[in-house]
């Protein structure tokens, strides 16, 4: 499955990987949490992060925006996948990848 991984202070990278709970937890470094990102969720894109990212003092990654306002900072490595609308994940397509990269470019911390 084609996914996009964004590590703090790194450029996002597109990789092919087998998706399982364990593989997602390995990418984010702990228990996963799905976060809703305005503009991405509407395009059926899922974002997973480490649910304890702030408590564990993981490095800040990008800004989280709601209603056009910055409301939080996402910490640690995140993984973006497509949403198959039936509660599962699917590969990202080129359009999804460009939408994610544009969001990260606009709301990144660099």
C-alpha atoms as a PDB file:
ATOM      1  CA  UNK A   1       0.000   0.000   0.000  1.00  0.00           C
ATOM      2  CA  UNK A   2       1.313   3.474  -0.901  1.00  0.00           C
ATOM      3  CA  UNK A   3       1.536   5.754   2.162  1.00  0.00           C
ATOM      4  CA  UNK A   4       3.226   9.035   3.034  1.00  0.00           C
ATOM      5  CA  UNK A   5       5.426   9.247   6.134  1.00  0.00           C
ATOM      6  CA  UNK A   6       6.432  12.583   7.652  1.00  0.00           C
ATOM      7  CA  UNK A   7       9.153  12.638  10.291  1.00  0.00           C
ATOM      8  CA  UNK A   8       9.954  15.851  12.179  1.00  0.00           C
ATOM      9  CA  UNK A   9      12.435  18.097  10.323  1.00  0.00           C
ATOM     10  CA  UNK A  10      12.415  15.728   7.324  1.00  0.00           C
ATOM     11  CA  UNK A  11      10.815  15.933   3.906  1.00  0.00           C
ATOM     12  CA  UNK A  12       7.731  13.715   3.546  1.00  0.00           C
ATOM     13  CA  UNK A  13       8.428  10.416   1.803  1.00  0.00           C
ATOM     14  CA  UNK A  14       6.131   8.090  -0.088  1.00  0.00           C
ATOM     15  CA  UNK A  15       6.701   4.400   0.623  1.00  0.00           C
ATOM     16  CA  UNK A  16       5.007   1.105  -0.140  1.00  0.00           C
ATOM     17  CA  UNK A  17       4.270  -0.926   2.975  1.00  0.00           C
ATOM     18  CA  UNK A  18       2.038  -3.640   4.325  1.00  0.00           C
ATOM     19  CA  UNK A  19      -0.491  -2.090   6.721  1.00  0.00           C
ATOM     20  CA  UNK A  20      -1.193  -3.711  10.076  1.00  0.00           C
ATOM     21  CA  UNK A  21      -1.593  -2.382  13.598  1.00  0.00           C
ATOM     22  CA  UNK A  22       1.993  -3.408  14.346  1.00  0.00           C
ATOM     23  CA  UNK A  23       3.414  -1.726  11.222  1.00  0.00           C
ATOM     24  CA  UNK A  24       1.552   1.517  12.013  1.00  0.00           C
ATOM     25  CA  UNK A  25       2.780   1.424  15.623  1.00  0.00           C
ATOM     26  CA  UNK A  26       6.336   0.817  14.409  1.00  0.00           C
ATOM     27  CA  UNK A  27       6.190   3.894  12.166  1.00  0.00           C
ATOM     28  CA  UNK A  28       4.885   6.260  14.881  1.00  0.00           C
ATOM     29  CA  UNK A  29       6.866   4.636  17.693  1.00  0.00           C
ATOM     30  CA  UNK A  30       3.985   3.626  19.964  1.00  0.00           C
ATOM     31  CA  UNK A  31       0.223   3.456  20.224  1.00  0.00           C
ATOM     32  CA  UNK A  32      -1.521   5.066  17.247  1.00  0.00           C
ATOM     33  CA  UNK A  33      -4.098   7.827  17.290  1.00  0.00           C
ATOM     34  CA  UNK A  34      -6.061   9.016  14.269  1.00  0.00           C
ATOM     35  CA  UNK A  35      -6.175  12.794  13.973  1.00  0.00           C
ATOM     36  CA  UNK A  36      -8.618  14.786  11.897  1.00  0.00           C
ATOM     37  CA  UNK A  37      -6.908  17.341   9.696  1.00  0.00           C
ATOM     38  CA  UNK A  38      -9.106  19.968   8.109  1.00  0.00           C
ATOM     39  CA  UNK A  39      -8.926  19.732   4.337  1.00  0.00           C
ATOM     40  CA  UNK A  40      -7.505  16.215   4.384  1.00  0.00           C
ATOM     41  CA  UNK A  41     -10.305  14.265   6.053  1.00  0.00           C
ATOM     42  CA  UNK A  42     -12.759  15.621   3.474  1.00  0.00           C
ATOM     43  CA  UNK A  43     -10.523  14.127   0.787  1.00  0.00           C
ATOM     44  CA  UNK A  44     -10.618  10.715   2.504  1.00  0.00           C
ATOM     45  CA  UNK A  45      -7.094  10.923   3.911  1.00  0.00           C
ATOM     46  CA  UNK A  46      -6.284   9.395   7.310  1.00  0.00           C
ATOM     47  CA  UNK A  47      -3.435  10.596   9.513  1.00  0.00           C
ATOM     48  CA  UNK A  48      -2.017   8.494  12.353  1.00  0.00           C
ATOM     49  CA  UNK A  49       0.371   9.762  15.010  1.00  0.00           C
ATOM     50  CA  UNK A  50       1.733   8.543  18.346  1.00  0.00           C
ATOM     51  CA  UNK A  51      -1.085   9.090  20.854  1.00  0.00           C
ATOM     52  CA  UNK A  52       1.415  10.014  23.568  1.00  0.00           C
ATOM     53  CA  UNK A  53       3.565  12.228  21.363  1.00  0.00           C
ATOM     54  CA  UNK A  54       3.393  15.302  23.564  1.00  0.00           C
ATOM     55  CA  UNK A  55       3.620  13.426  26.863  1.00  0.00           C
ATOM     56  CA  UNK A  56       6.693  11.611  25.524  1.00  0.00           C
ATOM     57  CA  UNK A  57       8.060  14.989  24.378  1.00  0.00           C
ATOM     58  CA  UNK A  58       8.461  13.819  20.793  1.00  0.00           C
ATOM     59  CA  UNK A  59       9.799  16.428  18.406  1.00  0.00           C
ATOM     60  CA  UNK A  60       7.215  18.830  16.900  1.00  0.00           C
ATOM     61  CA  UNK A  61       6.316  17.991  13.303  1.00  0.00           C
ATOM     62  CA  UNK A  62       3.669  20.377  11.879  1.00  0.00           C
ATOM     63  CA  UNK A  63       0.796  22.667  12.833  1.00  0.00           C
ATOM     64  CA  UNK A  64      -2.766  21.378  13.113  1.00  0.00           C
ATOM     65  CA  UNK A  65      -5.299  23.844  11.704  1.00  0.00           C
ATOM     66  CA  UNK A  66      -9.053  24.007  12.324  1.00  0.00           C
ATOM     67  CA  UNK A  67     -11.283  26.767  11.006  1.00  0.00           C
ATOM     68  CA  UNK A  68      -8.270  28.440   9.416  1.00  0.00           C
ATOM     69  CA  UNK A  69      -6.590  28.845  12.810  1.00  0.00           C
ATOM     70  CA  UNK A  70      -3.631  26.959  14.232  1.00  0.00           C
ATOM     71  CA  UNK A  71      -5.045  24.952  17.141  1.00  0.00           C
ATOM     72  CA  UNK A  72      -2.269  22.493  17.979  1.00  0.00           C
ATOM     73  CA  UNK A  73       1.112  21.056  17.049  1.00  0.00           C
ATOM     74  CA  UNK A  74       1.434  17.425  15.946  1.00  0.00           C
ATOM     75  CA  UNK A  75       4.516  15.784  17.477  1.00  0.00           C
ATOM     76  CA  UNK A  76       6.501  12.768  16.323  1.00  0.00           C
ATOM     77  CA  UNK A  77       6.383  10.803  13.098  1.00  0.00           C
ATOM     78  CA  UNK A  78       3.048  10.597  11.294  1.00  0.00           C
ATOM     79  CA  UNK A  79       1.733   8.354   8.553  1.00  0.00           C
ATOM     80  CA  UNK A  80      -0.923   9.299   5.991  1.00  0.00           C
ATOM     81  CA  UNK A  81      -3.128   6.724   4.262  1.00  0.00           C
ATOM     82  CA  UNK A  82      -6.227   6.733   2.107  1.00  0.00           C
ATOM     83  CA  UNK A  83      -9.665   6.032   3.625  1.00  0.00           C
ATOM     84  CA  UNK A  84     -11.750   3.425   1.784  1.00  0.00           C
ATOM     85  CA  UNK A  85     -14.971   4.809   3.364  1.00  0.00           C
ATOM     86  CA  UNK A  86     -15.748   1.406   4.903  1.00  0.00           C
ATOM     87  CA  UNK A  87     -13.557   1.840   7.969  1.00  0.00           C
ATOM     88  CA  UNK A  88     -10.390   0.600   6.295  1.00  0.00           C
ATOM     89  CA  UNK A  89      -7.276   2.008   4.723  1.00  0.00           C
ATOM     90  CA  UNK A  90      -6.219   2.143   1.091  1.00  0.00           C
ATOM     91  CA  UNK A  91      -3.283   3.393  -0.956  1.00  0.00           C
ATOM     92  CA  UNK A  92      -2.844   7.078  -1.548  1.00  0.00           C
ATOM     93  CA  UNK A  93      -3.140   8.269  -5.129  1.00  0.00           C
ATOM     94  CA  UNK A  94      -1.012  11.027  -6.713  1.00  0.00           C
ATOM     95  CA  UNK A  95      -3.656  13.657  -6.024  1.00  0.00           C
ATOM     96  CA  UNK A  96      -3.845  12.693  -2.313  1.00  0.00           C
ATOM     97  CA  UNK A  97      -0.056  12.861  -2.046  1.00  0.00           C
ATOM     98  CA  UNK A  98       0.037  16.368  -3.560  1.00  0.00           C
ATOM     99  CA  UNK A  99      -2.742  17.552  -1.214  1.00  0.00           C
ATOM    100  CA  UNK A 100      -0.811  16.243   1.814  1.00  0.00           C
ATOM    101  CA  UNK A 101       2.486  17.756   0.645  1.00  0.00           C
ATOM    102  CA  UNK A 102       0.804  21.125   0.077  1.00  0.00           C
ATOM    103  CA  UNK A 103      -0.679  21.027   3.592  1.00  0.00           C
ATOM    104  CA  UNK A 104       2.687  20.146   5.130  1.00  0.00           C
ATOM    105  CA  UNK A 105       4.453  22.846   3.114  1.00  0.00           C
ATOM    106  CA  UNK A 106       1.966  25.470   4.287  1.00  0.00           C
ATOM    107  CA  UNK A 107       1.728  24.379   7.933  1.00  0.00           C
ATOM    108  CA  UNK A 108       5.157  22.857   8.546  1.00  0.00           C
ATOM    109  CA  UNK A 109       7.505  24.159  11.207  1.00  0.00           C
ATOM    110  CA  UNK A 110      10.603  24.694   9.061  1.00  0.00           C
END
